[in-house]
Amino acid sequence: MGHFRLSVLSLFILSACVKGDPIEMADMEAVQRQQAQYGIAQPLPSFDWSLERDVAIQLYQARNERVSTWTVWRGDTSQIEGFCPSVGYPIPYDTSLTNPEKLALAPFGTTANRMYAEGVLEQAEPNGLYASKNSIATWVRCIFEVNGNTIESPVYVEGKVTTYPVAIIVDIASNTVSFVSGQQPTVVINPKQP
């Protein structure tokens, strides 16, 4: 019911905006006719199984496990600024535990017939977090050796972050990263076939 009211409201606002412009209306009608024709001639495909969905599920599972990784970050000029052995995959800085969106209700209409606009709110990802949409800043869980002890500590990075599931060799002089040969990755994706 909420989506219907929102759609009706959207159509009302849209029609009010273009009501006075016959060229805009003609363009909109032409686009709608073309989309309807595509729906007939080239209907959307339907699949019994999705390889991409299977890989996405495995990526969520890998991100939810404590795995050894190695992370490198680069500045705006793509020069390596830092690196560390790490745990898991980085978490974007503006990832939220709570929904960052808020439904704003706005009255419209006459006082006798007061109505409120409805909107769509974000839904948490399967990992219980609200995904980042705005920032390239990242939290990297780096591993440090201190007095013979291994500790994990967050490092805030504003550069571009790349995390590898295998040990790497970082060459600052040549600004390159290469894999240590013969290493088994800590995360392996095995797409299943139906």
Protein backbone atom coordinates (compact mmCIF):
# COMPACT_ATOMS: atom_id res chain seq x y z
CA MET A 1 0.00 0.00 0.00
CA GLY A 2 2.88 2.39 0.87
CA HIS A 3 4.58 1.90 -2.50
CA PHE A 4 1.26 2.52 -4.26
CA ARG A 5 0.78 5.84 -2.42
CA LEU A 6 4.37 6.83 -3.15
CA SER A 7 3.94 5.95 -6.85
CA VAL A 8 0.69 7.89 -7.08
CA LEU A 9 2.34 10.85 -5.34
CA SER A 10 5.35 10.62 -7.71
CA LEU A 11 3.08 10.53 -10.75
CA PHE A 12 1.07 13.47 -9.40
CA ILE A 13 4.22 15.54 -8.84
CA LEU A 14 5.71 14.46 -12.18
CA SER A 15 2.55 15.30 -14.08
CA ALA A 16 2.32 18.67 -12.32
CA CYS A 17 5.92 19.46 -13.30
CA VAL A 18 5.50 18.66 -17.01
CA LYS A 19 1.81 19.43 -17.43
CA GLY A 20 2.47 22.70 -19.19
CA ASP A 21 5.12 21.35 -21.58
CA PRO A 22 3.66 19.27 -24.45
CA ILE A 23 7.15 18.40 -25.78
CA GLU A 24 8.14 16.90 -22.38
CA MET A 25 4.89 14.91 -22.29
CA ALA A 26 5.41 13.64 -25.84
CA ASP A 27 8.98 12.56 -24.96
CA MET A 28 7.78 10.74 -21.82
CA GLU A 29 5.05 8.92 -23.77
CA ALA A 30 7.54 7.91 -26.48
CA VAL A 31 9.93 6.49 -23.88
CA GLN A 32 7.09 4.57 -22.19
CA ARG A 33 5.99 3.09 -25.54
CA GLN A 34 9.57 2.06 -26.32
CA GLN A 35 10.01 0.41 -22.89
CA ALA A 36 6.73 -1.48 -23.38
CA GLN A 37 7.97 -2.72 -26.78
CA TYR A 38 11.24 -3.92 -25.22
CA GLY A 39 9.21 -5.79 -22.61
CA ILE A 40 7.40 -7.66 -25.39
CA ALA A 41 10.30 -8.21 -27.83
CA GLN A 42 13.08 -8.69 -25.27
CA PRO A 43 11.56 -9.75 -21.94
CA LEU A 44 13.79 -9.85 -18.89
CA PRO A 45 15.48 -13.24 -18.50
CA SER A 46 14.69 -15.57 -15.63
CA PHE A 47 17.35 -17.89 -14.20
CA ASP A 48 17.08 -20.98 -11.99
CA TRP A 49 20.50 -20.22 -10.48
CA SER A 50 22.92 -17.27 -10.43
CA LEU A 51 26.71 -17.61 -10.44
CA GLU A 52 27.13 -13.96 -9.42
CA ARG A 53 24.73 -14.39 -6.47
CA ASP A 54 26.63 -17.50 -5.37
CA VAL A 55 29.95 -15.61 -5.49
CA ALA A 56 28.40 -12.64 -3.61
CA ILE A 57 27.19 -15.01 -0.87
CA GLN A 58 30.68 -16.53 -0.58
CA LEU A 59 32.20 -13.04 -0.39
CA TYR A 60 29.86 -12.16 2.51
CA GLN A 61 30.87 -15.39 4.23
CA ALA A 62 34.60 -14.66 3.69
CA ARG A 63 34.20 -11.13 5.07
CA ASN A 64 32.55 -12.61 8.16
CA GLU A 65 35.52 -14.89 8.94
CA ARG A 66 38.76 -13.99 10.68
CA VAL A 67 41.28 -14.51 7.88
CA SER A 68 44.85 -13.31 7.38
CA THR A 69 45.16 -10.63 4.73
CA TRP A 70 47.77 -8.09 3.62
CA THR A 71 46.75 -4.50 2.92
CA VAL A 72 48.37 -1.67 0.93
CA TRP A 73 47.09 1.90 0.68
CA ARG A 74 47.93 4.56 -1.87
CA GLY A 75 47.51 8.34 -1.96
CA ASP A 76 45.87 10.50 -4.59
CA THR A 77 48.87 10.13 -6.91
CA SER A 78 48.75 6.31 -6.58
CA GLN A 79 52.02 6.24 -4.64
CA ILE A 80 52.18 3.60 -1.90
CA GLU A 81 51.76 5.36 1.44
CA GLY A 82 51.66 2.35 3.73
CA PHE A 83 51.02 -1.34 4.15
CA CYS A 84 50.55 -3.94 6.85
CA PRO A 85 49.68 -7.56 7.47
CA SER A 86 45.99 -7.39 8.37
CA VAL A 87 42.93 -9.28 9.54
CA GLY A 88 39.94 -9.64 7.26
CA TYR A 89 38.88 -7.05 4.75
CA PRO A 90 38.74 -3.28 5.36
CA ILE A 91 35.59 -1.61 6.63
CA PRO A 92 34.60 1.67 4.91
CA TYR A 93 34.76 4.56 7.38
CA ASP A 94 31.11 5.56 7.04
CA THR A 95 29.65 2.06 7.48
CA SER A 96 26.87 2.36 10.07
CA LEU A 97 25.54 0.12 12.81
CA THR A 98 22.22 1.96 12.72
CA ASN A 99 20.16 3.11 9.77
CA PRO A 100 21.65 6.44 8.57
CA GLU A 101 18.37 7.35 6.88
CA LYS A 102 15.37 8.91 8.60
CA LEU A 103 11.83 8.97 7.28
CA ALA A 104 10.77 12.60 7.02
CA LEU A 105 7.04 13.14 7.17
CA ALA A 106 5.79 16.31 5.55
CA PRO A 107 2.16 17.42 5.70
CA PHE A 108 0.49 18.54 2.52
CA GLY A 109 -3.08 19.20 1.48
CA THR A 110 -5.74 21.10 3.36
CA THR A 111 -6.05 20.95 7.14
CA ALA A 112 -9.26 18.91 6.81
CA ASN A 113 -7.56 16.39 4.54
CA ARG A 114 -4.02 16.14 5.93
CA MET A 115 -1.75 13.53 4.30
CA TYR A 116 1.87 12.55 4.76
CA ALA A 117 4.44 11.61 2.15
CA GLU A 118 6.06 8.23 2.57
CA GLY A 119 9.55 7.23 1.57
CA VAL A 120 11.77 4.18 1.33
CA LEU A 121 14.28 3.51 4.11
CA GLU A 122 17.53 1.60 3.83
CA GLN A 123 17.73 -2.02 4.89
CA ALA A 124 20.74 -3.51 6.65
CA GLU A 125 23.07 -5.78 4.70
CA PRO A 126 23.18 -9.51 5.61
CA ASN A 127 26.15 -8.73 7.90
CA GLY A 128 23.93 -6.41 9.99
CA LEU A 129 25.59 -3.20 8.80
CA TYR A 130 24.44 -0.33 6.62
CA ALA A 131 26.86 -0.14 3.71
CA SER A 132 29.06 2.84 2.93
CA LYS A 133 27.97 5.09 0.09
CA ASN A 134 30.02 8.25 0.42
CA SER A 135 33.56 7.69 1.60
CA ILE A 136 36.76 6.11 0.37
CA ALA A 137 38.16 6.43 3.90
CA THR A 138 38.63 2.99 5.42
CA TRP A 139 39.42 1.20 8.67
CA VAL A 140 42.16 -1.41 8.20
CA ARG A 141 42.75 -3.91 11.00
CA CYS A 142 46.56 -4.02 10.94
CA ILE A 143 48.71 -6.54 12.78
CA PHE A 144 51.64 -5.17 14.79
CA GLU A 145 54.48 -6.99 16.53
CA VAL A 146 55.15 -5.32 19.90
CA ASN A 147 57.69 -6.77 22.34
CA GLY A 148 57.21 -10.24 20.90
CA ASN A 149 53.41 -9.99 21.04
CA THR A 150 51.07 -9.78 18.07
CA ILE A 151 48.33 -7.17 18.42
CA GLU A 152 45.55 -6.03 16.11
CA SER A 153 44.88 -2.31 15.87
CA PRO A 154 42.68 -0.19 13.57
CA VAL A 155 44.42 2.16 11.14
CA TYR A 156 42.36 4.93 9.55
CA VAL A 157 43.25 5.36 5.86
CA GLU A 158 41.91 8.02 3.50
CA GLY A 159 43.71 6.70 0.44
CA LYS A 160 42.76 3.88 -1.88
CA VAL A 161 42.99 0.54 -0.11
CA THR A 162 43.77 -2.85 -1.66
CA THR A 163 43.63 -5.98 0.47
CA TYR A 164 45.12 -9.27 -0.67
CA PRO A 165 44.33 -12.80 0.57
CA VAL A 166 47.97 -13.85 0.10
CA ALA A 167 51.32 -12.63 1.36
CA ILE A 168 52.76 -9.80 -0.74
CA ILE A 169 56.05 -8.09 -1.44
CA VAL A 170 55.83 -4.29 -1.41
CA ASP A 171 58.55 -2.39 -3.27
CA ILE A 172 58.27 1.28 -2.32
CA ALA A 173 61.06 2.34 -4.72
CA SER A 174 59.25 0.97 -7.78
CA ASN A 175 55.76 1.54 -6.29
CA THR A 176 54.77 -2.07 -6.98
CA VAL A 177 53.16 -4.94 -5.14
CA SER A 178 53.73 -8.59 -6.06
CA PHE A 179 52.57 -11.89 -4.63
CA VAL A 180 54.83 -14.26 -2.74
CA SER A 181 54.92 -17.26 -5.11
CA GLY A 182 53.52 -20.60 -4.01
CA GLN A 183 51.28 -19.11 -1.31
CA GLN A 184 47.82 -20.57 -0.74
CA PRO A 185 45.24 -17.73 -0.51
CA THR A 186 43.48 -17.43 2.84
CA VAL A 187 40.16 -16.94 1.03
CA VAL A 188 39.15 -19.12 -1.91
CA ILE A 189 35.93 -18.72 -3.88
CA ASN A 190 34.52 -22.00 -5.21
CA PRO A 191 31.48 -21.22 -7.35
CA LYS A 192 29.03 -24.09 -7.14
CA GLN A 193 27.11 -25.23 -10.16
CA PRO A 194 23.41 -26.05 -9.74
